[in-house]
Amino acid sequence: MKIGVLGSGTVAQTPAAGLEKHGYEIKMGSRSPEKLAEWASQNPKVSTGTFADAAIFGELLILTVKGNAAAEALRLAGAEAARAIEPLCMLWCIPGFLHNQWTHAFKLLIQ
C-alpha cells in the first residue's frame, strides 16, 4: 500500500519510519521539503516532496499535526471551524479527481 504522510516534524517522521519498516511505500509531503533532507538521508526508502506530491502518491493519507490543533477545530465545530476544516475537503478531493473514485475517507485520531 502507498501511504502519503503530510507533515515534516517528528509527529510525521515517527509513523513514516515505522510504516516503512513494515513494508509500506511512503512519501512524506511538506511545505518545505528541504526540512526533510537530513531525515530522508537516514531513511532512504521513504521519498519526500510537497504536500501535493504526497497526496497524489498515497492510497492512504496521514495528516500529522502537533498538539491539539485537530481537536480544537472539532471543538469549535461551528462556522468558526469551517476555515480550519475546509483544507481537509480539498485533500479528500485530490484522489477522487485523479482516479474518479470517491470511496476514500478521513479518520481523525486524537491521542
N, C-alpha and C. Protein backbone atom coordinates (compact mmCIF):
# COMPACT_ATOMS: atom_id res chain seq x y z
N MET A 1 0.84 -1.18 0.00
CA MET A 1 0.00 0.00 0.00
C MET A 1 0.88 1.23 0.00
N LYS A 2 0.47 2.25 -0.73
CA LYS A 2 1.18 3.52 -0.78
C LYS A 2 0.54 4.48 0.21
N ILE A 3 1.38 5.07 1.08
CA ILE A 3 0.88 5.97 2.11
C ILE A 3 1.56 7.32 1.97
N GLY A 4 0.76 8.36 1.91
CA GLY A 4 1.26 9.73 1.91
C GLY A 4 1.16 10.29 3.31
N VAL A 5 2.27 10.80 3.83
CA VAL A 5 2.29 11.40 5.17
C VAL A 5 2.49 12.89 4.97
N LEU A 6 1.53 13.68 5.43
CA LEU A 6 1.58 15.13 5.28
C LEU A 6 2.11 15.75 6.56
N GLY A 7 3.32 16.28 6.49
CA GLY A 7 3.98 16.87 7.63
C GLY A 7 5.46 16.60 7.58
N SER A 8 6.25 17.36 8.35
CA SER A 8 7.70 17.17 8.29
C SER A 8 8.36 17.05 9.66
N GLY A 9 7.61 17.22 10.72
CA GLY A 9 8.18 17.16 12.07
C GLY A 9 8.25 15.74 12.59
N THR A 10 8.59 15.61 13.86
CA THR A 10 8.71 14.28 14.46
C THR A 10 7.37 13.56 14.50
N VAL A 11 6.27 14.33 14.56
CA VAL A 11 4.94 13.72 14.56
C VAL A 11 4.70 13.01 13.22
N ALA A 12 5.31 13.47 12.15
CA ALA A 12 5.19 12.82 10.84
C ALA A 12 6.29 11.78 10.63
N GLN A 13 7.48 12.08 11.08
CA GLN A 13 8.62 11.20 10.85
C GLN A 13 8.48 9.85 11.56
N THR A 14 7.93 9.86 12.74
CA THR A 14 7.81 8.63 13.52
C THR A 14 6.90 7.60 12.84
N PRO A 15 5.66 7.95 12.47
CA PRO A 15 4.84 6.94 11.79
C PRO A 15 5.38 6.58 10.41
N ALA A 16 5.99 7.55 9.71
CA ALA A 16 6.53 7.26 8.38
C ALA A 16 7.62 6.18 8.46
N ALA A 17 8.53 6.34 9.42
CA ALA A 17 9.61 5.35 9.58
C ALA A 17 9.04 4.00 10.01
N GLY A 18 8.09 4.00 10.93
CA GLY A 18 7.50 2.75 11.39
C GLY A 18 6.75 2.02 10.30
N LEU A 19 5.97 2.76 9.50
CA LEU A 19 5.21 2.13 8.42
C LEU A 19 6.14 1.59 7.34
N GLU A 20 7.22 2.31 7.07
CA GLU A 20 8.19 1.86 6.07
C GLU A 20 8.82 0.54 6.51
N LYS A 21 9.13 0.42 7.80
CA LYS A 21 9.72 -0.81 8.33
C LYS A 21 8.79 -2.01 8.17
N HIS A 22 7.49 -1.74 8.07
CA HIS A 22 6.51 -2.82 7.91
C HIS A 22 6.16 -3.05 6.44
N GLY A 23 6.96 -2.46 5.54
CA GLY A 23 6.81 -2.76 4.12
C GLY A 23 5.93 -1.84 3.30
N TYR A 24 5.44 -0.77 3.88
CA TYR A 24 4.62 0.16 3.12
C TYR A 24 5.49 1.12 2.33
N GLU A 25 4.99 1.56 1.17
CA GLU A 25 5.66 2.60 0.40
C GLU A 25 5.21 3.94 0.96
N ILE A 26 6.16 4.78 1.33
CA ILE A 26 5.84 6.04 2.00
C ILE A 26 6.38 7.22 1.21
N LYS A 27 5.58 8.26 1.10
CA LYS A 27 6.03 9.55 0.58
C LYS A 27 5.59 10.60 1.59
N MET A 28 6.57 11.36 2.09
CA MET A 28 6.26 12.43 3.04
C MET A 28 6.17 13.74 2.28
N GLY A 29 5.15 14.53 2.61
CA GLY A 29 4.96 15.82 1.98
C GLY A 29 5.08 16.93 3.01
N SER A 30 5.68 18.03 2.59
CA SER A 30 5.90 19.17 3.48
C SER A 30 5.78 20.46 2.70
N ARG A 31 5.44 21.54 3.41
CA ARG A 31 5.50 22.87 2.78
C ARG A 31 6.93 23.18 2.39
N SER A 32 7.87 22.65 3.17
CA SER A 32 9.30 22.87 2.95
C SER A 32 10.00 21.52 2.88
N PRO A 33 9.98 20.87 1.72
CA PRO A 33 10.60 19.54 1.60
C PRO A 33 12.07 19.52 2.03
N GLU A 34 12.75 20.66 1.91
CA GLU A 34 14.16 20.71 2.32
C GLU A 34 14.33 20.44 3.82
N LYS A 35 13.26 20.66 4.61
CA LYS A 35 13.31 20.34 6.04
C LYS A 35 13.54 18.84 6.27
N LEU A 36 13.14 18.04 5.29
CA LEU A 36 13.22 16.59 5.42
C LEU A 36 14.51 16.00 4.87
N ALA A 37 15.40 16.83 4.32
CA ALA A 37 16.60 16.31 3.64
C ALA A 37 17.46 15.45 4.55
N GLU A 38 17.77 15.92 5.74
CA GLU A 38 18.62 15.15 6.65
C GLU A 38 17.93 13.85 7.07
N TRP A 39 16.66 13.95 7.44
CA TRP A 39 15.91 12.77 7.85
C TRP A 39 15.82 11.76 6.70
N ALA A 40 15.57 12.26 5.49
CA ALA A 40 15.44 11.38 4.33
C ALA A 40 16.75 10.66 4.03
N SER A 41 17.88 11.30 4.30
CA SER A 41 19.16 10.64 4.06
C SER A 41 19.35 9.44 5.00
N GLN A 42 18.71 9.47 6.16
CA GLN A 42 18.78 8.37 7.12
C GLN A 42 17.68 7.33 6.88
N ASN A 43 16.70 7.70 6.06
CA ASN A 43 15.58 6.81 5.73
C ASN A 43 15.41 6.79 4.21
N PRO A 44 16.37 6.21 3.49
CA PRO A 44 16.38 6.33 2.02
C PRO A 44 15.21 5.67 1.30
N LYS A 45 14.49 4.78 1.95
CA LYS A 45 13.35 4.14 1.27
C LYS A 45 12.09 5.02 1.29
N VAL A 46 12.11 6.07 2.10
CA VAL A 46 10.98 7.00 2.19
C VAL A 46 11.27 8.18 1.27
N SER A 47 10.39 8.42 0.31
CA SER A 47 10.59 9.56 -0.58
C SER A 47 9.92 10.80 0.02
N THR A 48 10.35 11.95 -0.43
CA THR A 48 9.82 13.21 0.09
C THR A 48 9.42 14.13 -1.07
N GLY A 49 8.60 15.09 -0.75
CA GLY A 49 8.15 16.06 -1.74
C GLY A 49 7.23 17.07 -1.09
N THR A 50 6.37 17.66 -1.89
CA THR A 50 5.42 18.65 -1.39
C THR A 50 4.17 17.95 -0.86
N PHE A 51 3.28 18.72 -0.24
CA PHE A 51 2.00 18.16 0.21
C PHE A 51 1.27 17.53 -0.98
N ALA A 52 1.26 18.23 -2.12
CA ALA A 52 0.56 17.72 -3.30
C ALA A 52 1.18 16.41 -3.78
N ASP A 53 2.51 16.32 -3.76
CA ASP A 53 3.18 15.08 -4.17
C ASP A 53 2.72 13.90 -3.32
N ALA A 54 2.71 14.10 -2.01
CA ALA A 54 2.31 13.02 -1.09
C ALA A 54 0.84 12.68 -1.25
N ALA A 55 0.01 13.70 -1.46
CA ALA A 55 -1.43 13.46 -1.61
C ALA A 55 -1.74 12.67 -2.87
N ILE A 56 -1.04 12.98 -3.95
CA ILE A 56 -1.25 12.26 -5.21
C ILE A 56 -0.72 10.83 -5.10
N PHE A 57 0.38 10.66 -4.39
CA PHE A 57 1.03 9.36 -4.25
C PHE A 57 0.20 8.37 -3.43
N GLY A 58 -0.35 8.84 -2.34
CA GLY A 58 -0.93 7.94 -1.35
C GLY A 58 -2.30 7.39 -1.66
N GLU A 59 -2.45 6.09 -1.43
CA GLU A 59 -3.77 5.47 -1.40
C GLU A 59 -4.42 5.80 -0.05
N LEU A 60 -3.58 6.01 0.94
CA LEU A 60 -3.98 6.42 2.28
C LEU A 60 -3.16 7.64 2.63
N LEU A 61 -3.81 8.66 3.16
CA LEU A 61 -3.10 9.87 3.58
C LEU A 61 -3.17 10.01 5.08
N ILE A 62 -2.04 10.39 5.67
CA ILE A 62 -1.99 10.64 7.10
C ILE A 62 -1.60 12.10 7.28
N LEU A 63 -2.47 12.87 7.89
CA LEU A 63 -2.21 14.27 8.19
C LEU A 63 -1.70 14.34 9.61
N THR A 64 -0.48 14.82 9.77
CA THR A 64 0.12 14.86 11.10
C THR A 64 0.18 16.29 11.60
N VAL A 65 -0.38 16.50 12.75
CA VAL A 65 -0.32 17.81 13.38
C VAL A 65 0.12 17.64 14.82
N LYS A 66 0.91 18.58 15.28
CA LYS A 66 1.41 18.52 16.65
C LYS A 66 0.43 19.23 17.57
N GLY A 67 0.29 18.70 18.75
CA GLY A 67 -0.57 19.35 19.72
C GLY A 67 -2.03 19.02 19.48
N ASN A 68 -2.89 19.96 19.80
CA ASN A 68 -4.32 19.67 19.73
C ASN A 68 -5.02 20.50 18.67
N ALA A 69 -4.34 20.77 17.55
CA ALA A 69 -4.94 21.59 16.50
C ALA A 69 -6.21 20.95 15.95
N ALA A 70 -6.16 19.66 15.68
CA ALA A 70 -7.34 18.98 15.13
C ALA A 70 -8.47 18.93 16.15
N ALA A 71 -8.12 18.65 17.40
CA ALA A 71 -9.14 18.60 18.45
C ALA A 71 -9.78 19.97 18.63
N GLU A 72 -8.99 21.01 18.53
CA GLU A 72 -9.53 22.37 18.68
C GLU A 72 -10.49 22.69 17.54
N ALA A 73 -10.16 22.26 16.33
CA ALA A 73 -11.06 22.50 15.19
C ALA A 73 -12.38 21.79 15.40
N LEU A 74 -12.33 20.58 15.94
CA LEU A 74 -13.57 19.85 16.21
C LEU A 74 -14.37 20.49 17.33
N ARG A 75 -13.66 20.99 18.34
CA ARG A 75 -14.34 21.62 19.47
C ARG A 75 -15.16 22.82 18.99
N LEU A 76 -14.60 23.57 18.07
CA LEU A 76 -15.32 24.74 17.56
C LEU A 76 -16.57 24.29 16.79
N ALA A 77 -16.40 23.32 15.93
CA ALA A 77 -17.46 22.62 15.21
C ALA A 77 -18.60 23.46 14.67
N GLY A 78 -18.48 24.72 14.63
CA GLY A 78 -19.50 25.57 14.04
C GLY A 78 -18.91 26.32 12.86
N ALA A 79 -19.47 27.45 12.55
CA ALA A 79 -18.99 28.25 11.43
C ALA A 79 -17.52 28.65 11.63
N GLU A 80 -17.12 28.82 12.90
CA GLU A 80 -15.74 29.21 13.17
C GLU A 80 -14.76 28.13 12.72
N ALA A 81 -15.18 26.88 12.70
CA ALA A 81 -14.30 25.77 12.35
C ALA A 81 -14.18 25.57 10.84
N ALA A 82 -15.06 26.19 10.07
CA ALA A 82 -15.08 25.94 8.63
C ALA A 82 -13.73 26.24 8.00
N ARG A 83 -13.09 27.31 8.38
CA ARG A 83 -11.80 27.68 7.79
C ARG A 83 -10.73 26.64 8.10
N ALA A 84 -10.76 26.05 9.26
CA ALA A 84 -9.77 25.03 9.63
C ALA A 84 -10.05 23.69 8.96
N ILE A 85 -11.31 23.38 8.75
CA ILE A 85 -11.69 22.08 8.21
C ILE A 85 -11.71 22.07 6.68
N GLU A 86 -11.93 23.21 6.06
CA GLU A 86 -12.04 23.29 4.60
C GLU A 86 -10.84 22.68 3.85
N PRO A 87 -9.58 22.89 4.28
CA PRO A 87 -8.47 22.27 3.55
C PRO A 87 -8.52 20.75 3.54
N LEU A 88 -9.13 20.14 4.55
CA LEU A 88 -9.27 18.68 4.55
C LEU A 88 -10.13 18.22 3.39
N CYS A 89 -11.14 18.98 3.06
CA CYS A 89 -12.00 18.65 1.93
C CYS A 89 -11.20 18.69 0.63
N MET A 90 -10.34 19.69 0.50
CA MET A 90 -9.52 19.78 -0.70
C MET A 90 -8.60 18.56 -0.82
N LEU A 91 -8.01 18.13 0.30
CA LEU A 91 -7.15 16.94 0.28
C LEU A 91 -7.96 15.70 -0.08
N TRP A 92 -9.19 15.62 0.39
CA TRP A 92 -10.04 14.48 0.10
C TRP A 92 -10.37 14.43 -1.39
N CYS A 93 -10.51 15.59 -2.02
CA CYS A 93 -10.89 15.66 -3.43
C CYS A 93 -9.77 15.22 -4.38
N ILE A 94 -8.51 15.40 -4.00
CA ILE A 94 -7.40 15.10 -4.91
C ILE A 94 -7.46 13.66 -5.41
N PRO A 95 -7.50 12.63 -4.53
CA PRO A 95 -7.56 11.27 -5.07
C PRO A 95 -8.84 11.00 -5.86
N GLY A 96 -9.93 11.62 -5.45
CA GLY A 96 -11.19 11.42 -6.16
C GLY A 96 -11.12 11.91 -7.60
N PHE A 97 -10.60 13.12 -7.77
CA PHE A 97 -10.49 13.66 -9.12
C PHE A 97 -9.45 12.91 -9.95
N LEU A 98 -8.34 12.52 -9.33
CA LEU A 98 -7.28 11.82 -10.07
C LEU A 98 -7.71 10.45 -10.55
N HIS A 99 -8.46 9.73 -9.73
CA HIS A 99 -8.80 8.34 -10.05
C HIS A 99 -10.29 8.14 -10.30
N ASN A 100 -11.07 9.22 -10.24
CA ASN A 100 -12.52 9.14 -10.40
C ASN A 100 -13.11 8.06 -9.51
N GLN A 101 -12.64 8.06 -8.27
CA GLN A 101 -13.10 7.08 -7.28
C GLN A 101 -13.30 7.84 -5.97
N TRP A 102 -14.45 7.71 -5.38
CA TRP A 102 -14.81 8.53 -4.23
C TRP A 102 -15.13 7.67 -3.00
N THR A 103 -14.49 6.55 -2.86
CA THR A 103 -14.77 5.65 -1.74
C THR A 103 -13.75 5.77 -0.61
N HIS A 104 -12.93 6.81 -0.63
CA HIS A 104 -11.93 7.01 0.41
C HIS A 104 -12.50 7.90 1.51
N ALA A 105 -11.82 7.92 2.64
CA ALA A 105 -12.32 8.68 3.79
C ALA A 105 -11.16 9.19 4.64
N PHE A 106 -11.47 10.13 5.51
CA PHE A 106 -10.53 10.61 6.52
C PHE A 106 -10.95 10.05 7.87
N LYS A 107 -10.00 9.79 8.70
CA LYS A 107 -10.28 9.40 10.07
C LYS A 107 -9.41 10.26 10.96
N LEU A 108 -10.00 10.83 11.98
CA LEU A 108 -9.28 11.69 12.91
C LEU A 108 -8.92 10.87 14.13
N LEU A 109 -7.63 10.78 14.42
CA LEU A 109 -7.15 10.10 15.61
C LEU A 109 -6.57 11.14 16.55
N ILE A 110 -7.08 11.20 17.76
CA ILE A 110 -6.59 12.15 18.74
C ILE A 110 -6.01 11.35 19.90
N GLN A 111 -4.75 11.65 20.24
CA GLN A 111 -4.16 10.94 21.36
C GLN A 111 -3.99 11.85 22.55
